[in-house]
Amino acid sequence: MADPELQRVNDIALTAVQALLGLISSDVVAVAVAAREERVLFSFWVRRHTAEIDEDIADAIADLEAFLHPEIPLIEPRVMVGVPEAANMQPHERMIYWAKS
């Protein structure tokens, strides 16, 4: 039988991919999601941090909350300018998008 925590992390990662559909602009380099207990960390690496990025993140969080209803964990966004570094990845963090170079 699969580990329930691992299954939850994988389910949230797949749901986050669905929430991002149509919201990834050309300024987004990568997106990752991490799930722990009642908290989800949504990490975005961008070429430049713009108001459009903030709007897209707010829309993605709203969609993720709707998809996860009635659970609705605390969803925290994190935006970093640049590219992801493996050393900075959180435990149980899943990379769900990486732009082609």
N, C-alpha and C. Protein backbone atom coordinates (compact mmCIF):
# COMPACT_ATOMS: atom_id res chain seq x y z
N MET A 1 0.84 -1.17 0.00
CA MET A 1 0.00 0.00 0.00
C MET A 1 0.89 1.25 0.00
N ALA A 2 0.50 2.25 -0.73
CA ALA A 2 1.28 3.48 -0.86
C ALA A 2 1.22 4.31 0.42
N ASP A 3 2.26 5.09 0.64
CA ASP A 3 2.33 6.00 1.77
C ASP A 3 1.26 7.08 1.60
N PRO A 4 0.35 7.28 2.57
CA PRO A 4 -0.72 8.27 2.42
C PRO A 4 -0.20 9.70 2.25
N GLU A 5 0.88 10.05 2.93
CA GLU A 5 1.44 11.41 2.79
C GLU A 5 1.99 11.63 1.39
N LEU A 6 2.69 10.64 0.86
CA LEU A 6 3.21 10.73 -0.50
C LEU A 6 2.06 10.83 -1.51
N GLN A 7 1.02 10.06 -1.29
CA GLN A 7 -0.15 10.12 -2.17
C GLN A 7 -0.79 11.50 -2.14
N ARG A 8 -0.88 12.11 -0.94
CA ARG A 8 -1.45 13.45 -0.81
C ARG A 8 -0.60 14.47 -1.56
N VAL A 9 0.72 14.40 -1.40
CA VAL A 9 1.63 15.32 -2.09
C VAL A 9 1.46 15.17 -3.60
N ASN A 10 1.42 13.96 -4.08
CA ASN A 10 1.25 13.73 -5.52
C ASN A 10 -0.10 14.22 -6.03
N ASP A 11 -1.17 14.01 -5.24
CA ASP A 11 -2.49 14.48 -5.63
C ASP A 11 -2.53 16.01 -5.71
N ILE A 12 -1.92 16.67 -4.75
CA ILE A 12 -1.89 18.14 -4.76
C ILE A 12 -1.06 18.64 -5.93
N ALA A 13 0.05 17.98 -6.24
CA ALA A 13 0.87 18.38 -7.39
C ALA A 13 0.07 18.28 -8.68
N LEU A 14 -0.66 17.19 -8.86
CA LEU A 14 -1.47 17.04 -10.08
C LEU A 14 -2.59 18.07 -10.14
N THR A 15 -3.19 18.37 -9.00
CA THR A 15 -4.25 19.37 -8.95
C THR A 15 -3.68 20.76 -9.23
N ALA A 16 -2.47 21.04 -8.75
CA ALA A 16 -1.83 22.33 -9.01
C ALA A 16 -1.55 22.51 -10.49
N VAL A 17 -1.15 21.43 -11.17
CA VAL A 17 -0.93 21.50 -12.62
C VAL A 17 -2.23 21.92 -13.31
N GLN A 18 -3.33 21.33 -12.90
CA GLN A 18 -4.62 21.68 -13.48
C GLN A 18 -4.97 23.13 -13.19
N ALA A 19 -4.69 23.62 -11.98
CA ALA A 19 -4.98 25.00 -11.61
C ALA A 19 -4.17 26.00 -12.42
N LEU A 20 -3.00 25.59 -12.90
CA LEU A 20 -2.12 26.48 -13.66
C LEU A 20 -2.46 26.58 -15.15
N LEU A 21 -3.33 25.69 -15.62
CA LEU A 21 -3.63 25.69 -17.06
C LEU A 21 -4.07 27.07 -17.53
N GLY A 22 -3.38 27.57 -18.54
CA GLY A 22 -3.70 28.87 -19.12
C GLY A 22 -3.15 30.06 -18.35
N LEU A 23 -2.44 29.83 -17.26
CA LEU A 23 -1.96 30.94 -16.43
C LEU A 23 -0.45 31.12 -16.45
N ILE A 24 0.27 30.32 -17.20
CA ILE A 24 1.73 30.43 -17.22
C ILE A 24 2.14 31.35 -18.36
N SER A 25 2.67 32.51 -17.99
CA SER A 25 3.10 33.49 -19.00
C SER A 25 4.54 33.19 -19.42
N SER A 26 5.00 33.92 -20.42
CA SER A 26 6.36 33.72 -20.91
C SER A 26 7.42 34.14 -19.89
N ASP A 27 7.03 34.90 -18.86
CA ASP A 27 7.98 35.31 -17.82
C ASP A 27 8.19 34.24 -16.75
N VAL A 28 7.38 33.20 -16.75
CA VAL A 28 7.52 32.14 -15.75
C VAL A 28 8.59 31.16 -16.21
N VAL A 29 9.58 30.92 -15.37
CA VAL A 29 10.66 29.99 -15.66
C VAL A 29 10.31 28.60 -15.16
N ALA A 30 9.79 28.52 -13.93
CA ALA A 30 9.48 27.22 -13.33
C ALA A 30 8.46 27.40 -12.22
N VAL A 31 7.77 26.28 -11.91
CA VAL A 31 6.80 26.27 -10.82
C VAL A 31 6.96 24.95 -10.07
N ALA A 32 6.89 25.04 -8.75
CA ALA A 32 6.93 23.84 -7.92
C ALA A 32 5.86 23.95 -6.85
N VAL A 33 5.48 22.82 -6.31
CA VAL A 33 4.50 22.79 -5.24
C VAL A 33 4.98 21.81 -4.16
N ALA A 34 4.79 22.21 -2.90
CA ALA A 34 5.12 21.35 -1.77
C ALA A 34 3.91 21.32 -0.85
N ALA A 35 3.63 20.16 -0.30
CA ALA A 35 2.49 20.01 0.61
C ALA A 35 2.95 19.41 1.92
N ARG A 36 2.57 20.08 3.00
CA ARG A 36 2.85 19.59 4.35
C ARG A 36 1.65 19.85 5.22
N GLU A 37 1.14 18.80 5.83
CA GLU A 37 0.01 18.90 6.75
C GLU A 37 -1.08 19.78 6.15
N GLU A 38 -1.37 20.91 6.75
CA GLU A 38 -2.45 21.78 6.27
C GLU A 38 -1.93 22.98 5.49
N ARG A 39 -0.76 22.84 4.87
CA ARG A 39 -0.13 23.97 4.16
C ARG A 39 0.38 23.51 2.80
N VAL A 40 0.20 24.36 1.79
CA VAL A 40 0.74 24.11 0.45
C VAL A 40 1.60 25.31 0.08
N LEU A 41 2.84 25.05 -0.32
CA LEU A 41 3.74 26.10 -0.78
C LEU A 41 3.80 26.06 -2.30
N PHE A 42 3.41 27.14 -2.95
CA PHE A 42 3.39 27.28 -4.40
C PHE A 42 4.58 28.17 -4.76
N SER A 43 5.63 27.63 -5.37
CA SER A 43 6.84 28.38 -5.68
C SER A 43 6.92 28.70 -7.17
N PHE A 44 7.19 29.96 -7.48
CA PHE A 44 7.29 30.43 -8.86
C PHE A 44 8.65 31.08 -9.06
N TRP A 45 9.36 30.67 -10.08
CA TRP A 45 10.59 31.32 -10.50
C TRP A 45 10.25 32.08 -11.78
N VAL A 46 10.60 33.35 -11.82
CA VAL A 46 10.21 34.20 -12.95
C VAL A 46 11.41 34.97 -13.49
N ARG A 47 11.29 35.38 -14.75
CA ARG A 47 12.33 36.22 -15.36
C ARG A 47 12.29 37.62 -14.76
N ARG A 48 11.07 38.11 -14.55
CA ARG A 48 10.86 39.41 -13.91
C ARG A 48 9.52 39.37 -13.18
N HIS A 49 9.47 39.99 -12.04
CA HIS A 49 8.26 39.97 -11.20
C HIS A 49 7.38 41.15 -11.62
N THR A 50 6.21 40.84 -12.18
CA THR A 50 5.30 41.86 -12.69
C THR A 50 3.93 41.74 -12.03
N ALA A 51 3.10 42.74 -12.25
CA ALA A 51 1.72 42.70 -11.75
C ALA A 51 0.96 41.54 -12.39
N GLU A 52 1.24 41.26 -13.66
CA GLU A 52 0.59 40.14 -14.35
C GLU A 52 0.92 38.82 -13.66
N ILE A 53 2.16 38.65 -13.24
CA ILE A 53 2.57 37.44 -12.51
C ILE A 53 1.76 37.32 -11.23
N ASP A 54 1.65 38.42 -10.48
CA ASP A 54 0.88 38.40 -9.22
C ASP A 54 -0.59 38.04 -9.47
N GLU A 55 -1.18 38.58 -10.54
CA GLU A 55 -2.57 38.26 -10.88
C GLU A 55 -2.72 36.79 -11.24
N ASP A 56 -1.79 36.27 -12.03
CA ASP A 56 -1.84 34.85 -12.41
C ASP A 56 -1.68 33.95 -11.20
N ILE A 57 -0.82 34.31 -10.27
CA ILE A 57 -0.64 33.53 -9.05
C ILE A 57 -1.91 33.54 -8.21
N ALA A 58 -2.53 34.71 -8.08
CA ALA A 58 -3.79 34.81 -7.32
C ALA A 58 -4.87 33.94 -7.97
N ASP A 59 -4.95 33.95 -9.30
CA ASP A 59 -5.92 33.11 -10.01
C ASP A 59 -5.62 31.63 -9.81
N ALA A 60 -4.35 31.25 -9.87
CA ALA A 60 -3.96 29.85 -9.68
C ALA A 60 -4.30 29.38 -8.26
N ILE A 61 -4.07 30.24 -7.28
CA ILE A 61 -4.40 29.88 -5.89
C ILE A 61 -5.91 29.72 -5.73
N ALA A 62 -6.69 30.62 -6.31
CA ALA A 62 -8.15 30.51 -6.23
C ALA A 62 -8.63 29.22 -6.88
N ASP A 63 -8.06 28.89 -8.04
CA ASP A 63 -8.44 27.65 -8.72
C ASP A 63 -8.04 26.43 -7.90
N LEU A 64 -6.85 26.46 -7.32
CA LEU A 64 -6.40 25.33 -6.50
C LEU A 64 -7.31 25.15 -5.29
N GLU A 65 -7.68 26.25 -4.64
CA GLU A 65 -8.60 26.17 -3.51
C GLU A 65 -9.93 25.56 -3.93
N ALA A 66 -10.43 25.95 -5.11
CA ALA A 66 -11.70 25.41 -5.60
C ALA A 66 -11.58 23.91 -5.88
N PHE A 67 -10.48 23.50 -6.49
CA PHE A 67 -10.28 22.08 -6.80
C PHE A 67 -10.12 21.24 -5.53
N LEU A 68 -9.52 21.81 -4.48
CA LEU A 68 -9.27 21.06 -3.25
C LEU A 68 -10.44 21.11 -2.26
N HIS A 69 -11.45 21.91 -2.57
CA HIS A 69 -12.61 22.05 -1.68
C HIS A 69 -13.22 20.68 -1.40
N PRO A 70 -13.54 20.33 -0.21
CA PRO A 70 -13.68 21.16 0.99
C PRO A 70 -12.43 21.23 1.87
N GLU A 71 -11.34 20.58 1.46
CA GLU A 71 -10.12 20.56 2.29
C GLU A 71 -9.57 21.97 2.51
N ILE A 72 -9.28 22.70 1.46
CA ILE A 72 -8.75 24.06 1.46
C ILE A 72 -7.63 24.30 2.49
N PRO A 73 -6.44 23.79 2.20
CA PRO A 73 -5.30 24.08 3.08
C PRO A 73 -4.83 25.53 2.88
N LEU A 74 -3.98 26.00 3.77
CA LEU A 74 -3.36 27.31 3.61
C LEU A 74 -2.41 27.22 2.41
N ILE A 75 -2.61 28.06 1.41
CA ILE A 75 -1.77 28.05 0.21
C ILE A 75 -0.92 29.31 0.23
N GLU A 76 0.39 29.12 0.31
CA GLU A 76 1.33 30.24 0.38
C GLU A 76 2.12 30.34 -0.91
N PRO A 77 2.08 31.49 -1.58
CA PRO A 77 2.90 31.67 -2.79
C PRO A 77 4.30 32.16 -2.42
N ARG A 78 5.25 31.79 -3.25
CA ARG A 78 6.64 32.25 -3.11
C ARG A 78 7.11 32.58 -4.51
N VAL A 79 7.60 33.80 -4.72
CA VAL A 79 8.06 34.24 -6.04
C VAL A 79 9.53 34.60 -5.95
N MET A 80 10.32 34.01 -6.84
CA MET A 80 11.75 34.29 -6.89
C MET A 80 12.14 34.65 -8.32
N VAL A 81 12.96 35.65 -8.47
CA VAL A 81 13.47 36.02 -9.79
C VAL A 81 14.71 35.19 -10.05
N GLY A 82 14.73 34.52 -11.19
CA GLY A 82 15.87 33.67 -11.54
C GLY A 82 15.44 32.26 -11.86
N VAL A 83 16.38 31.34 -11.73
CA VAL A 83 16.10 29.93 -12.02
C VAL A 83 16.22 29.12 -10.73
N PRO A 84 15.50 28.01 -10.64
CA PRO A 84 15.57 27.20 -9.42
C PRO A 84 16.93 26.54 -9.23
N GLU A 85 17.31 26.41 -7.99
CA GLU A 85 18.52 25.68 -7.63
C GLU A 85 18.10 24.51 -6.76
N ALA A 86 18.61 23.33 -7.08
CA ALA A 86 18.23 22.11 -6.35
C ALA A 86 18.45 22.24 -4.86
N ALA A 87 19.48 22.94 -4.45
CA ALA A 87 19.80 23.07 -3.02
C ALA A 87 18.73 23.86 -2.27
N ASN A 88 17.97 24.69 -2.98
CA ASN A 88 16.95 25.51 -2.34
C ASN A 88 15.56 24.89 -2.36
N MET A 89 15.44 23.69 -2.89
CA MET A 89 14.14 23.01 -2.95
C MET A 89 13.75 22.56 -1.55
N GLN A 90 12.46 22.67 -1.24
CA GLN A 90 11.92 22.24 0.05
C GLN A 90 11.69 20.72 0.05
N PRO A 91 11.67 20.10 1.22
CA PRO A 91 11.34 18.67 1.27
C PRO A 91 9.93 18.44 0.69
N HIS A 92 9.77 17.39 -0.03
CA HIS A 92 8.50 17.02 -0.67
C HIS A 92 8.05 18.03 -1.72
N GLU A 93 8.96 18.86 -2.22
CA GLU A 93 8.59 19.83 -3.25
C GLU A 93 8.66 19.15 -4.61
N ARG A 94 7.62 19.33 -5.40
CA ARG A 94 7.54 18.73 -6.74
C ARG A 94 7.61 19.83 -7.80
N MET A 95 8.56 19.69 -8.71
CA MET A 95 8.65 20.61 -9.84
C MET A 95 7.54 20.21 -10.81
N ILE A 96 6.64 21.14 -11.12
CA ILE A 96 5.51 20.81 -11.98
C ILE A 96 5.55 21.55 -13.33
N TYR A 97 6.47 22.50 -13.46
CA TYR A 97 6.62 23.19 -14.75
C TYR A 97 8.04 23.73 -14.84
N TRP A 98 8.65 23.61 -16.00
CA TRP A 98 9.95 24.21 -16.27
C TRP A 98 9.95 24.62 -17.74
N ALA A 99 10.13 25.90 -18.00
CA ALA A 99 10.10 26.43 -19.36
C ALA A 99 11.26 25.91 -20.18
N LYS A 100 11.01 25.75 -21.46
CA LYS A 100 12.10 25.39 -22.37
C LYS A 100 13.00 26.60 -22.53
N SER A 101 14.27 26.37 -22.66
CA SER A 101 15.23 27.47 -22.82
C SER A 101 15.16 28.07 -24.20
